[in-house]
Amino acid sequence: MSPVVFALLLLAGLSESAGRLLPLVARRPGVSHASAILLLLTGAVVESAVFALWPLAATTLAELMLPAPLAPGATLTWTAGLVAPLLLAALIAFPLLGPLLHLLLLVGVGAGLVSPLAAATGLGWWAAAGCVAVAAIGLAATVDGVRRLVVKLSPTGHQELVA
């Protein structure tokens, strides 16, 4: 992964994290600046990792559908051209602006991944679209499950539920 792609993925993750975190920090006046920044940076790393894993997960799902294994260099990876719309989607559509707009922009980014995946694997467009969609849904569900577990196990999340 080139440094430009890495930086773009980090910026997209930071934007996504800010969109998820700002409403929570705004509702909790007792949150310190240091803990908010730590949460923001942790969320940025997690979101960036999820974005970085999206093409890899889609390629892995596509390999499961193929009768023969892929050639070693045939995996789908982020390029600056593919990740730029992701950064744009993360900047334009903070989750606090609306989940529907955010979902539509991520669907557009996913559609941009379909053609390169289809070309790299030899699958049809619809099969590649299914792999990209299932990979996105699986990654999102995993991250959401981990978030819910962390909130449930954290002492501050438990105190807020009790109060």
Protein backbone atom coordinates (compact mmCIF):
# COMPACT_ATOMS: atom_id res chain seq x y z
CA MET A 1 0.00 0.00 0.00
CA SER A 2 1.43 3.34 -1.01
CA PRO A 3 1.87 6.16 1.52
CA VAL A 4 -0.76 8.24 -0.30
CA VAL A 5 -3.35 5.46 -0.06
CA PHE A 6 -2.43 4.89 3.59
CA ALA A 7 -2.88 8.59 4.36
CA LEU A 8 -6.20 8.71 2.50
CA LEU A 9 -7.46 5.67 4.42
CA LEU A 10 -6.41 7.27 7.72
CA LEU A 11 -8.20 10.50 6.82
CA ALA A 12 -11.34 8.59 5.83
CA GLY A 13 -11.16 6.67 9.12
CA LEU A 14 -10.67 9.89 11.08
CA SER A 15 -13.65 11.48 9.39
CA GLU A 16 -15.80 8.41 10.00
CA SER A 17 -14.70 8.28 13.63
CA ALA A 18 -15.43 11.97 14.14
CA GLY A 19 -18.89 11.51 12.69
CA ARG A 20 -19.63 8.69 15.08
CA LEU A 21 -18.00 10.29 18.12
CA LEU A 22 -19.12 13.92 17.95
CA PRO A 23 -22.76 13.21 18.83
CA LEU A 24 -21.68 11.10 21.82
CA VAL A 25 -19.26 13.72 23.14
CA ALA A 26 -21.83 16.48 22.66
CA ARG A 27 -24.36 14.59 24.82
CA ARG A 28 -21.87 13.94 27.62
CA PRO A 29 -20.60 17.20 29.10
CA GLY A 30 -18.28 15.44 31.57
CA VAL A 31 -15.99 13.94 28.91
CA SER A 32 -12.48 15.38 29.09
CA HIS A 33 -10.69 16.62 26.00
CA ALA A 34 -7.94 14.05 26.44
CA SER A 35 -10.33 11.11 26.55
CA ALA A 36 -12.31 12.48 23.59
CA ILE A 37 -9.13 12.79 21.53
CA LEU A 38 -8.04 9.29 22.56
CA LEU A 39 -11.44 7.91 21.54
CA LEU A 40 -11.27 9.82 18.26
CA LEU A 41 -7.81 8.49 17.40
CA THR A 42 -8.69 4.93 18.43
CA GLY A 43 -11.84 5.10 16.33
CA ALA A 44 -9.85 6.47 13.39
CA VAL A 45 -7.45 3.53 13.52
CA VAL A 46 -10.31 1.02 13.77
CA GLU A 47 -12.31 2.61 10.93
CA SER A 48 -9.19 2.85 8.76
CA ALA A 49 -8.46 -0.83 9.37
CA VAL A 50 -12.02 -1.75 8.41
CA PHE A 51 -11.76 0.31 5.22
CA ALA A 52 -8.39 -1.28 4.43
CA LEU A 53 -9.81 -4.79 4.94
CA TRP A 54 -12.82 -4.25 2.69
CA PRO A 55 -11.11 -5.17 -0.64
CA LEU A 56 -9.25 -8.05 0.99
CA ALA A 57 -12.45 -9.48 2.44
CA ALA A 58 -14.22 -9.10 -0.92
CA THR A 59 -11.36 -10.87 -2.70
CA THR A 60 -11.43 -13.68 -0.15
CA LEU A 61 -15.15 -14.15 -0.68
CA ALA A 62 -14.63 -14.13 -4.45
CA GLU A 63 -11.96 -16.83 -4.10
CA LEU A 64 -14.45 -19.03 -2.29
CA MET A 65 -16.72 -18.83 -5.33
CA LEU A 66 -14.02 -19.72 -7.87
CA PRO A 67 -13.19 -23.31 -8.81
CA ALA A 68 -9.44 -22.61 -8.93
CA PRO A 69 -7.35 -20.40 -6.64
CA LEU A 70 -6.42 -16.92 -7.81
CA ALA A 71 -2.98 -16.07 -9.07
CA PRO A 72 -0.79 -14.59 -6.30
CA GLY A 73 -0.99 -10.99 -7.59
CA ALA A 74 -4.70 -11.01 -8.45
CA THR A 75 -5.99 -9.59 -5.18
CA LEU A 76 -7.92 -6.35 -5.09
CA THR A 77 -6.14 -3.54 -3.28
CA TRP A 78 -6.92 0.09 -2.67
CA THR A 79 -5.46 2.58 -5.11
CA ALA A 80 -5.57 6.35 -4.80
CA GLY A 81 -8.32 6.42 -7.44
CA LEU A 82 -10.44 3.88 -5.57
CA VAL A 83 -9.94 5.36 -2.09
CA ALA A 84 -10.55 9.01 -3.06
CA PRO A 85 -14.35 8.52 -3.30
CA LEU A 86 -14.24 6.79 0.10
CA LEU A 87 -12.56 9.83 1.61
CA LEU A 88 -15.09 12.08 -0.11
CA ALA A 89 -17.94 9.95 1.23
CA ALA A 90 -16.51 10.10 4.73
CA LEU A 91 -16.04 13.87 4.57
CA ILE A 92 -19.37 14.75 2.98
CA ALA A 93 -21.58 12.36 4.87
CA PHE A 94 -20.67 12.30 8.51
CA PRO A 95 -23.04 9.81 10.09
CA LEU A 96 -24.54 12.72 11.99
CA LEU A 97 -25.71 14.23 8.68
CA GLY A 98 -27.85 11.23 8.04
CA PRO A 99 -27.40 7.49 7.88
CA LEU A 100 -29.22 7.21 4.56
CA LEU A 101 -26.88 9.64 2.78
CA HIS A 102 -23.91 7.89 4.37
CA LEU A 103 -25.19 4.50 3.23
CA LEU A 104 -25.79 5.73 -0.32
CA LEU A 105 -22.27 7.12 -0.58
CA LEU A 106 -20.74 3.91 0.76
CA VAL A 107 -22.80 1.95 -1.78
CA GLY A 108 -21.29 4.18 -4.45
CA VAL A 109 -17.78 3.49 -3.16
CA GLY A 110 -18.55 -0.23 -3.08
CA ALA A 111 -19.78 -0.05 -6.66
CA GLY A 112 -16.40 1.41 -7.58
CA LEU A 113 -14.74 -1.69 -6.12
CA VAL A 114 -16.89 -4.11 -8.12
CA SER A 115 -15.33 -3.66 -11.58
CA PRO A 116 -11.71 -4.08 -10.40
CA LEU A 117 -12.74 -7.14 -8.38
CA ALA A 118 -14.55 -8.64 -11.35
CA ALA A 119 -11.52 -8.02 -13.55
CA ALA A 120 -9.07 -9.45 -11.01
CA THR A 121 -11.07 -12.60 -10.27
CA GLY A 122 -12.90 -13.29 -13.52
CA LEU A 123 -16.27 -13.28 -11.78
CA GLY A 124 -19.28 -11.61 -13.32
CA TRP A 125 -20.24 -8.11 -12.26
CA TRP A 126 -23.19 -9.23 -10.12
CA ALA A 127 -21.19 -11.94 -8.35
CA ALA A 128 -18.41 -9.44 -7.63
CA ALA A 129 -21.01 -6.95 -6.38
CA GLY A 130 -22.35 -9.62 -4.04
CA CYS A 131 -18.84 -10.28 -2.69
CA VAL A 132 -18.24 -6.56 -2.09
CA ALA A 133 -21.64 -6.17 -0.39
CA VAL A 134 -21.27 -9.23 1.83
CA ALA A 135 -17.75 -8.17 2.81
CA ALA A 136 -18.98 -4.68 3.73
CA ILE A 137 -21.92 -5.99 5.73
CA GLY A 138 -19.75 -8.56 7.50
CA LEU A 139 -17.09 -6.01 8.45
CA ALA A 140 -19.70 -3.49 9.59
CA ALA A 141 -21.51 -6.10 11.68
CA THR A 142 -18.24 -7.22 13.28
CA VAL A 143 -17.20 -3.69 14.19
CA ASP A 144 -20.67 -2.89 15.50
CA GLY A 145 -20.62 -6.03 17.64
CA VAL A 146 -17.23 -5.12 19.08
CA ARG A 147 -18.43 -1.56 19.79
CA ARG A 148 -21.49 -2.86 21.64
CA LEU A 149 -19.34 -5.30 23.63
CA VAL A 150 -16.88 -2.56 24.60
CA VAL A 151 -19.72 -0.29 25.73
CA LYS A 152 -21.30 -3.11 27.69
CA LEU A 153 -18.02 -4.03 29.40
CA SER A 154 -16.75 -0.50 30.03
CA PRO A 155 -17.39 0.93 33.48
CA THR A 156 -18.65 4.27 32.11
CA GLY A 157 -21.10 2.59 29.76
CA HIS A 158 -22.44 0.49 32.65
CA GLN A 159 -22.85 3.52 34.94
CA GLU A 160 -24.81 5.38 32.29
CA LEU A 161 -27.14 2.44 31.80
CA VAL A 162 -27.77 2.18 35.54
CA ALA A 163 -28.33 5.93 36.06
